[in-house]
Amino acid sequence: MHAKQYDADEVTEYLSEMAEKYELPVELVRLQWKLLSVRLHSEQEYKSHLAETLVELKNRDPEDAHVLALAKLQGLPIWSNDRDLAWPKSLLNASQLQGSYAFPRIHPTRKSVPSDATPET
């Protein structure tokens, strides 16, 4: 799984509040968060794709451009419940959907992803 460093920092900041909201042991939630296999990326890594993705998301939330830029850099699909990241389902097949709303697999800029590849989790 890949994520923006900014998002991971935000999760860490609010982890205790989220655990308490769902009546979960805070230390257990912190431990599970630390054990997740997530590769974190700084904005510097995907910055070269931001201008392009801002154009693609011109009528949507510009903050979502960061997620799309990272996906383009890595050649990976996006898993999101964010309606701003919805992609016309007519352009997708079932193997490309990774969440309620998802961009299809995006051709990578650095490496190739076989069409039958599954995303890292």
N, C-alpha and C. Protein backbone atom coordinates (compact mmCIF):
# COMPACT_ATOMS: atom_id res chain seq x y z
N MET A 1 0.85 -1.15 0.00
CA MET A 1 0.00 0.00 0.00
C MET A 1 0.91 1.24 0.00
N HIS A 2 0.50 2.25 -0.72
CA HIS A 2 1.25 3.50 -0.79
C HIS A 2 0.37 4.62 -0.26
N ALA A 3 0.99 5.58 0.40
CA ALA A 3 0.24 6.73 0.93
C ALA A 3 1.14 7.95 0.97
N LYS A 4 0.49 9.10 1.02
CA LYS A 4 1.23 10.35 1.16
C LYS A 4 1.67 10.50 2.62
N GLN A 5 2.87 10.99 2.82
CA GLN A 5 3.38 11.21 4.17
C GLN A 5 2.45 12.12 4.96
N TYR A 6 1.92 13.15 4.29
CA TYR A 6 1.02 14.09 4.94
C TYR A 6 -0.19 13.37 5.54
N ASP A 7 -0.77 12.43 4.78
CA ASP A 7 -1.93 11.69 5.27
C ASP A 7 -1.58 10.80 6.46
N ALA A 8 -0.44 10.16 6.39
CA ALA A 8 -0.01 9.31 7.50
C ALA A 8 0.22 10.14 8.76
N ASP A 9 0.78 11.31 8.60
CA ASP A 9 0.99 12.20 9.75
C ASP A 9 -0.35 12.61 10.37
N GLU A 10 -1.33 12.85 9.50
CA GLU A 10 -2.66 13.24 9.97
C GLU A 10 -3.33 12.08 10.72
N VAL A 11 -3.21 10.87 10.20
CA VAL A 11 -3.76 9.70 10.90
C VAL A 11 -3.12 9.57 12.27
N THR A 12 -1.81 9.68 12.32
CA THR A 12 -1.10 9.56 13.59
C THR A 12 -1.58 10.62 14.58
N GLU A 13 -1.78 11.82 14.10
CA GLU A 13 -2.24 12.92 14.96
C GLU A 13 -3.61 12.63 15.58
N TYR A 14 -4.51 12.02 14.82
CA TYR A 14 -5.88 11.81 15.30
C TYR A 14 -6.18 10.37 15.69
N LEU A 15 -5.18 9.54 15.75
CA LEU A 15 -5.38 8.12 16.05
C LEU A 15 -6.09 7.89 17.38
N SER A 16 -5.67 8.59 18.41
CA SER A 16 -6.29 8.42 19.73
C SER A 16 -7.76 8.79 19.70
N GLU A 17 -8.08 9.90 19.06
CA GLU A 17 -9.47 10.34 18.96
C GLU A 17 -10.32 9.32 18.21
N MET A 18 -9.77 8.78 17.12
CA MET A 18 -10.52 7.79 16.34
C MET A 18 -10.74 6.52 17.15
N ALA A 19 -9.72 6.07 17.86
CA ALA A 19 -9.85 4.86 18.68
C ALA A 19 -10.92 5.05 19.75
N GLU A 20 -10.89 6.18 20.41
CA GLU A 20 -11.88 6.47 21.45
C GLU A 20 -13.28 6.54 20.86
N LYS A 21 -13.44 7.15 19.70
CA LYS A 21 -14.75 7.27 19.05
C LYS A 21 -15.37 5.90 18.81
N TYR A 22 -14.55 4.94 18.41
CA TYR A 22 -15.04 3.59 18.12
C TYR A 22 -14.86 2.64 19.30
N GLU A 23 -14.52 3.21 20.45
CA GLU A 23 -14.36 2.45 21.70
C GLU A 23 -13.38 1.30 21.55
N LEU A 24 -12.24 1.62 20.95
CA LEU A 24 -11.17 0.64 20.77
C LEU A 24 -10.00 1.01 21.67
N PRO A 25 -9.24 0.04 22.13
CA PRO A 25 -8.07 0.34 22.95
C PRO A 25 -7.05 1.16 22.14
N VAL A 26 -6.70 2.32 22.64
CA VAL A 26 -5.82 3.24 21.93
C VAL A 26 -4.48 2.59 21.61
N GLU A 27 -3.89 1.90 22.56
CA GLU A 27 -2.57 1.29 22.33
C GLU A 27 -2.64 0.19 21.27
N LEU A 28 -3.73 -0.56 21.24
CA LEU A 28 -3.89 -1.59 20.22
C LEU A 28 -4.01 -0.96 18.83
N VAL A 29 -4.76 0.12 18.72
CA VAL A 29 -4.91 0.80 17.43
C VAL A 29 -3.57 1.38 16.99
N ARG A 30 -2.82 1.97 17.92
CA ARG A 30 -1.49 2.50 17.58
C ARG A 30 -0.57 1.39 17.08
N LEU A 31 -0.60 0.27 17.75
CA LEU A 31 0.24 -0.86 17.35
C LEU A 31 -0.16 -1.36 15.96
N GLN A 32 -1.45 -1.50 15.72
CA GLN A 32 -1.89 -1.95 14.40
C GLN A 32 -1.50 -0.95 13.31
N TRP A 33 -1.57 0.32 13.61
CA TRP A 33 -1.16 1.36 12.65
C TRP A 33 0.33 1.20 12.32
N LYS A 34 1.15 0.97 13.34
CA LYS A 34 2.59 0.81 13.12
C LYS A 34 2.92 -0.45 12.32
N LEU A 35 2.09 -1.48 12.45
CA LEU A 35 2.35 -2.75 11.78
C LEU A 35 1.87 -2.78 10.32
N LEU A 36 1.08 -1.80 9.92
CA LEU A 36 0.62 -1.77 8.53
C LEU A 36 1.80 -1.62 7.58
N SER A 37 1.74 -2.34 6.51
CA SER A 37 2.79 -2.25 5.50
C SER A 37 2.41 -1.14 4.51
N VAL A 38 2.86 0.07 4.82
CA VAL A 38 2.54 1.23 4.00
C VAL A 38 3.83 1.92 3.61
N ARG A 39 4.01 2.14 2.32
CA ARG A 39 5.16 2.90 1.85
C ARG A 39 4.74 4.36 1.75
N LEU A 40 5.40 5.21 2.49
CA LEU A 40 5.05 6.63 2.54
C LEU A 40 5.87 7.42 1.53
N HIS A 41 5.21 8.42 0.93
CA HIS A 41 5.84 9.24 -0.10
C HIS A 41 5.71 10.72 0.22
N SER A 42 6.80 11.43 0.09
CA SER A 42 6.77 12.88 0.27
C SER A 42 6.25 13.53 -1.01
N GLU A 43 5.78 14.75 -0.90
CA GLU A 43 5.28 15.49 -2.06
C GLU A 43 6.36 15.63 -3.13
N GLN A 44 7.59 15.73 -2.70
CA GLN A 44 8.71 15.88 -3.64
C GLN A 44 8.76 14.73 -4.64
N GLU A 45 8.38 13.53 -4.20
CA GLU A 45 8.45 12.34 -5.07
C GLU A 45 7.49 12.41 -6.24
N TYR A 46 6.29 12.95 -6.05
CA TYR A 46 5.28 12.96 -7.10
C TYR A 46 4.97 14.35 -7.65
N LYS A 47 5.73 15.32 -7.20
CA LYS A 47 5.50 16.72 -7.57
C LYS A 47 5.47 16.94 -9.08
N SER A 48 6.25 16.19 -9.83
CA SER A 48 6.31 16.36 -11.28
C SER A 48 4.99 16.04 -11.98
N HIS A 49 4.09 15.35 -11.31
CA HIS A 49 2.79 14.98 -11.89
C HIS A 49 1.65 15.89 -11.43
N LEU A 50 1.92 16.81 -10.52
CA LEU A 50 0.84 17.62 -9.95
C LEU A 50 0.14 18.52 -10.97
N ALA A 51 0.88 19.19 -11.80
CA ALA A 51 0.26 20.11 -12.78
C ALA A 51 -0.71 19.34 -13.69
N GLU A 52 -0.25 18.20 -14.17
CA GLU A 52 -1.08 17.36 -15.05
C GLU A 52 -2.36 16.90 -14.34
N THR A 53 -2.24 16.47 -13.11
CA THR A 53 -3.41 15.96 -12.40
C THR A 53 -4.36 17.09 -12.00
N LEU A 54 -3.84 18.27 -11.75
CA LEU A 54 -4.72 19.41 -11.47
C LEU A 54 -5.61 19.71 -12.67
N VAL A 55 -5.06 19.56 -13.86
CA VAL A 55 -5.86 19.77 -15.08
C VAL A 55 -6.93 18.69 -15.18
N GLU A 56 -6.55 17.44 -14.92
CA GLU A 56 -7.50 16.33 -15.00
C GLU A 56 -8.64 16.47 -13.99
N LEU A 57 -8.36 17.07 -12.87
CA LEU A 57 -9.36 17.23 -11.81
C LEU A 57 -9.89 18.66 -11.75
N LYS A 58 -9.91 19.35 -12.87
CA LYS A 58 -10.21 20.78 -12.89
C LYS A 58 -11.51 21.18 -12.22
N ASN A 59 -12.55 20.35 -12.27
CA ASN A 59 -13.82 20.69 -11.64
C ASN A 59 -14.05 19.94 -10.34
N ARG A 60 -12.99 19.42 -9.79
CA ARG A 60 -13.07 18.63 -8.56
C ARG A 60 -12.15 19.24 -7.52
N ASP A 61 -12.06 18.60 -6.39
CA ASP A 61 -11.23 19.08 -5.28
C ASP A 61 -9.75 19.03 -5.67
N PRO A 62 -9.07 20.18 -5.73
CA PRO A 62 -7.66 20.18 -6.14
C PRO A 62 -6.75 19.43 -5.17
N GLU A 63 -7.18 19.24 -3.93
CA GLU A 63 -6.36 18.47 -2.99
C GLU A 63 -6.23 17.01 -3.42
N ASP A 64 -7.19 16.52 -4.20
CA ASP A 64 -7.14 15.15 -4.68
C ASP A 64 -6.06 14.95 -5.73
N ALA A 65 -5.53 16.02 -6.28
CA ALA A 65 -4.48 15.92 -7.29
C ALA A 65 -3.24 15.22 -6.72
N HIS A 66 -2.99 15.36 -5.44
CA HIS A 66 -1.83 14.71 -4.81
C HIS A 66 -1.97 13.20 -4.88
N VAL A 67 -3.16 12.69 -4.60
CA VAL A 67 -3.39 11.25 -4.64
C VAL A 67 -3.22 10.73 -6.06
N LEU A 68 -3.81 11.43 -7.01
CA LEU A 68 -3.72 11.01 -8.41
C LEU A 68 -2.28 11.09 -8.91
N ALA A 69 -1.55 12.12 -8.53
CA ALA A 69 -0.15 12.25 -8.95
C ALA A 69 0.69 11.09 -8.42
N LEU A 70 0.46 10.71 -7.17
CA LEU A 70 1.19 9.58 -6.59
C LEU A 70 0.83 8.29 -7.31
N ALA A 71 -0.44 8.10 -7.63
CA ALA A 71 -0.87 6.89 -8.35
C ALA A 71 -0.23 6.83 -9.73
N LYS A 72 -0.16 7.97 -10.40
CA LYS A 72 0.46 8.00 -11.73
C LYS A 72 1.94 7.65 -11.62
N LEU A 73 2.62 8.20 -10.64
CA LEU A 73 4.04 7.92 -10.45
C LEU A 73 4.28 6.43 -10.23
N GLN A 74 3.44 5.81 -9.41
CA GLN A 74 3.63 4.41 -9.06
C GLN A 74 2.97 3.43 -10.03
N GLY A 75 2.06 3.94 -10.89
CA GLY A 75 1.35 3.05 -11.80
C GLY A 75 0.38 2.14 -11.08
N LEU A 76 -0.25 2.68 -10.04
CA LEU A 76 -1.15 1.88 -9.21
C LEU A 76 -2.57 2.45 -9.23
N PRO A 77 -3.56 1.59 -8.95
CA PRO A 77 -4.94 2.09 -8.85
C PRO A 77 -5.13 2.85 -7.54
N ILE A 78 -6.22 3.58 -7.47
CA ILE A 78 -6.55 4.35 -6.27
C ILE A 78 -7.75 3.71 -5.60
N TRP A 79 -7.66 3.54 -4.29
CA TRP A 79 -8.78 3.04 -3.51
C TRP A 79 -9.28 4.21 -2.70
N SER A 80 -10.52 4.61 -2.94
CA SER A 80 -11.06 5.79 -2.26
C SER A 80 -12.58 5.75 -2.22
N ASN A 81 -13.13 6.34 -1.20
CA ASN A 81 -14.58 6.56 -1.11
C ASN A 81 -14.90 8.00 -1.45
N ASP A 82 -13.94 8.75 -1.92
CA ASP A 82 -14.10 10.16 -2.25
C ASP A 82 -14.77 10.29 -3.62
N ARG A 83 -15.93 10.93 -3.66
CA ARG A 83 -16.66 11.08 -4.92
C ARG A 83 -15.87 11.91 -5.94
N ASP A 84 -14.98 12.77 -5.48
CA ASP A 84 -14.17 13.55 -6.42
C ASP A 84 -13.20 12.67 -7.19
N LEU A 85 -12.94 11.49 -6.69
CA LEU A 85 -12.05 10.56 -7.37
C LEU A 85 -12.82 9.50 -8.14
N ALA A 86 -14.12 9.68 -8.28
CA ALA A 86 -14.94 8.71 -9.03
C ALA A 86 -14.53 8.73 -10.49
N TRP A 87 -14.53 7.57 -11.09
CA TRP A 87 -14.19 7.41 -12.50
C TRP A 87 -15.40 6.77 -13.16
N PRO A 88 -15.74 7.15 -14.35
CA PRO A 88 -16.90 6.52 -15.00
C PRO A 88 -16.76 5.01 -15.04
N LYS A 89 -17.69 4.30 -14.42
CA LYS A 89 -17.59 2.84 -14.32
C LYS A 89 -17.60 2.17 -15.68
N SER A 90 -18.13 2.83 -16.69
CA SER A 90 -18.13 2.25 -18.02
C SER A 90 -16.72 2.08 -18.57
N LEU A 91 -15.75 2.80 -18.01
CA LEU A 91 -14.37 2.69 -18.47
C LEU A 91 -13.58 1.63 -17.72
N LEU A 92 -14.20 1.03 -16.70
CA LEU A 92 -13.50 0.09 -15.85
C LEU A 92 -14.01 -1.32 -16.03
N ASN A 93 -13.18 -2.28 -15.66
CA ASN A 93 -13.69 -3.64 -15.51
C ASN A 93 -13.56 -3.99 -14.03
N ALA A 94 -14.17 -5.06 -13.62
CA ALA A 94 -14.25 -5.38 -12.19
C ALA A 94 -12.87 -5.50 -11.53
N SER A 95 -11.87 -5.99 -12.25
CA SER A 95 -10.55 -6.17 -11.65
C SER A 95 -9.85 -4.84 -11.37
N GLN A 96 -10.32 -3.76 -11.98
CA GLN A 96 -9.68 -2.47 -11.77
C GLN A 96 -10.25 -1.70 -10.58
N LEU A 97 -11.44 -2.05 -10.13
CA LEU A 97 -12.06 -1.33 -9.02
C LEU A 97 -11.42 -1.75 -7.70
N GLN A 98 -11.01 -0.79 -6.92
CA GLN A 98 -10.36 -1.09 -5.65
C GLN A 98 -11.14 -0.55 -4.45
N GLY A 99 -12.19 0.18 -4.66
CA GLY A 99 -12.98 0.74 -3.57
C GLY A 99 -14.32 1.17 -4.13
N SER A 100 -15.06 1.91 -3.35
CA SER A 100 -16.36 2.37 -3.81
C SER A 100 -16.20 3.21 -5.07
N TYR A 101 -15.19 4.02 -5.09
CA TYR A 101 -14.86 4.83 -6.26
C TYR A 101 -13.39 4.61 -6.52
N ALA A 102 -13.04 4.41 -7.75
CA ALA A 102 -11.62 4.14 -8.01
C ALA A 102 -11.23 4.57 -9.41
N PHE A 103 -10.02 5.08 -9.53
CA PHE A 103 -9.44 5.30 -10.84
C PHE A 103 -8.95 3.95 -11.31
N PRO A 104 -8.95 3.70 -12.59
CA PRO A 104 -8.41 2.43 -13.09
C PRO A 104 -6.89 2.41 -12.93
N ARG A 105 -6.33 1.27 -13.20
CA ARG A 105 -4.86 1.20 -13.20
C ARG A 105 -4.34 2.27 -14.15
N ILE A 106 -3.33 2.95 -13.71
CA ILE A 106 -2.78 4.05 -14.50
C ILE A 106 -1.43 3.61 -15.02
N HIS A 107 -1.17 3.88 -16.28
CA HIS A 107 0.13 3.51 -16.83
C HIS A 107 1.23 4.20 -16.05
N PRO A 108 2.17 3.44 -15.53
CA PRO A 108 3.23 4.01 -14.71
C PRO A 108 4.24 4.81 -15.52
N THR A 109 4.95 5.65 -14.79
CA THR A 109 5.99 6.43 -15.44
C THR A 109 7.37 5.83 -15.23
N ARG A 110 7.50 4.95 -14.23
CA ARG A 110 8.81 4.39 -13.93
C ARG A 110 8.91 2.89 -14.13
N LYS A 111 7.80 2.18 -14.05
CA LYS A 111 7.85 0.74 -14.17
C LYS A 111 6.57 0.25 -14.81
N SER A 112 6.57 -0.97 -15.29
CA SER A 112 5.35 -1.47 -15.92
C SER A 112 4.59 -2.34 -14.94
N VAL A 113 3.27 -2.34 -15.07
CA VAL A 113 2.40 -3.15 -14.24
C VAL A 113 1.61 -4.04 -15.18
N PRO A 114 1.76 -5.36 -15.08
CA PRO A 114 0.99 -6.24 -15.95
C PRO A 114 -0.50 -6.03 -15.75
N SER A 115 -1.29 -6.21 -16.78
CA SER A 115 -2.72 -5.97 -16.70
C SER A 115 -3.41 -6.89 -15.69
N ASP A 116 -2.80 -8.03 -15.39
CA ASP A 116 -3.41 -8.95 -14.43
C ASP A 116 -2.81 -8.82 -13.03
N ALA A 117 -1.98 -7.81 -12.82
CA ALA A 117 -1.34 -7.62 -11.52
C ALA A 117 -2.36 -7.18 -10.50
N THR A 118 -2.12 -7.57 -9.26
CA THR A 118 -2.97 -7.11 -8.17
C THR A 118 -2.24 -6.04 -7.40
N PRO A 119 -2.97 -5.07 -6.82
CA PRO A 119 -2.30 -3.99 -6.09
C PRO A 119 -1.68 -4.50 -4.81
N GLU A 120 -0.66 -3.80 -4.35
CA GLU A 120 -0.05 -4.11 -3.07
C GLU A 120 -1.03 -3.74 -1.98
N THR A 121 -1.11 -4.57 -0.93
CA THR A 121 -1.97 -4.24 0.20
C THR A 121 -1.23 -4.35 1.47
